[in-house]
Amino acid sequence: MNISYAAKAAGLPVKTVRYYADIGLVDAPSRSEAGYRTYDDASVRKLAFVRRSREFGFGIDECRELWGLYQDRERTST
């Protein structure tokens, strides 16, 4: 999906989605033949996760750490 649909689905402005991709908070999107950024469902889920984390007051680096914890299925729950 293009960036405007991804931004809307994640509840973020397009400019914020671009910024998160530029700083590496979300994976760099693939590009269409015309050069437009395209996002998959996994990227949209991560964008929504980051949006919610930011709403709770977490900083960018803390969001990276939270996502890493969320992705680590081998970690203990304690």
Protein backbone atom coordinates (compact mmCIF):
# COMPACT_ATOMS: atom_id res chain seq x y z
CA MET A 1 0.00 0.00 0.00
CA ASN A 2 1.20 3.52 -0.58
CA ILE A 3 2.35 5.82 2.19
CA SER A 4 -0.92 7.72 2.55
CA TYR A 5 -2.90 4.50 3.09
CA ALA A 6 -0.26 3.17 5.49
CA ALA A 7 -0.25 6.42 7.45
CA LYS A 8 -4.03 6.44 7.71
CA ALA A 9 -4.15 2.78 8.76
CA ALA A 10 -1.52 3.43 11.47
CA GLY A 11 -3.15 6.67 12.62
CA LEU A 12 -0.14 8.83 11.78
CA PRO A 13 0.56 11.78 9.50
CA VAL A 14 2.44 10.94 6.30
CA LYS A 15 5.30 13.19 7.37
CA THR A 16 5.75 11.16 10.57
CA VAL A 17 5.78 7.89 8.63
CA ARG A 18 8.51 9.28 6.37
CA TYR A 19 10.49 10.45 9.40
CA TYR A 20 10.26 7.07 11.14
CA ALA A 21 11.49 5.36 7.97
CA ASP A 22 14.30 7.90 7.51
CA ILE A 23 15.64 7.38 11.06
CA GLY A 24 15.33 3.60 10.77
CA LEU A 25 12.60 3.19 13.38
CA VAL A 26 10.66 1.18 10.81
CA ASP A 27 12.23 -0.72 7.94
CA ALA A 28 12.85 1.29 4.82
CA PRO A 29 9.89 0.79 2.56
CA SER A 30 10.19 -0.81 -0.81
CA ARG A 31 9.64 1.40 -3.82
CA SER A 32 7.24 0.99 -6.70
CA GLU A 33 8.51 1.25 -10.26
CA ALA A 34 7.40 4.89 -10.18
CA GLY A 35 9.52 5.46 -7.04
CA TYR A 36 6.68 5.68 -4.52
CA ARG A 37 7.17 4.20 -1.06
CA THR A 38 5.12 1.07 -0.49
CA TYR A 39 4.37 -0.50 2.88
CA ASP A 40 3.23 -3.98 3.82
CA ASP A 41 0.91 -5.01 6.64
CA ALA A 42 3.81 -5.77 8.98
CA SER A 43 5.14 -2.24 8.56
CA VAL A 44 1.72 -0.76 9.29
CA ARG A 45 1.45 -2.87 12.46
CA LYS A 46 4.86 -1.60 13.58
CA LEU A 47 3.89 2.00 12.81
CA ALA A 48 0.74 1.59 14.91
CA PHE A 49 2.79 0.03 17.72
CA VAL A 50 5.18 2.98 17.67
CA ARG A 51 2.28 5.46 17.61
CA ARG A 52 0.75 3.85 20.69
CA SER A 53 4.13 3.72 22.45
CA ARG A 54 4.69 7.40 21.74
CA GLU A 55 1.20 8.20 23.06
CA PHE A 56 2.24 6.55 26.34
CA GLY A 57 5.24 8.87 26.48
CA PHE A 58 8.05 6.59 25.29
CA GLY A 59 10.90 8.18 23.35
CA ILE A 60 12.19 7.00 19.98
CA ASP A 61 14.99 4.88 21.45
CA GLU A 62 12.61 3.39 24.00
CA CYS A 63 10.23 2.47 21.16
CA ARG A 64 13.07 0.64 19.44
CA GLU A 65 13.76 -1.27 22.64
CA LEU A 66 10.09 -2.08 23.22
CA TRP A 67 9.75 -3.39 19.67
CA GLY A 68 12.83 -5.54 20.19
CA LEU A 69 11.31 -7.00 23.34
CA TYR A 70 8.01 -7.59 21.57
CA GLN A 71 9.76 -9.43 18.74
CA ASP A 72 11.97 -11.57 21.00
CA ARG A 73 9.97 -14.77 21.49
CA GLU A 74 12.87 -16.39 23.40
CA ARG A 75 12.86 -13.88 26.28
CA THR A 76 11.47 -14.79 29.67
CA SER A 77 8.35 -13.03 30.87
CA THR A 78 9.93 -11.83 34.13
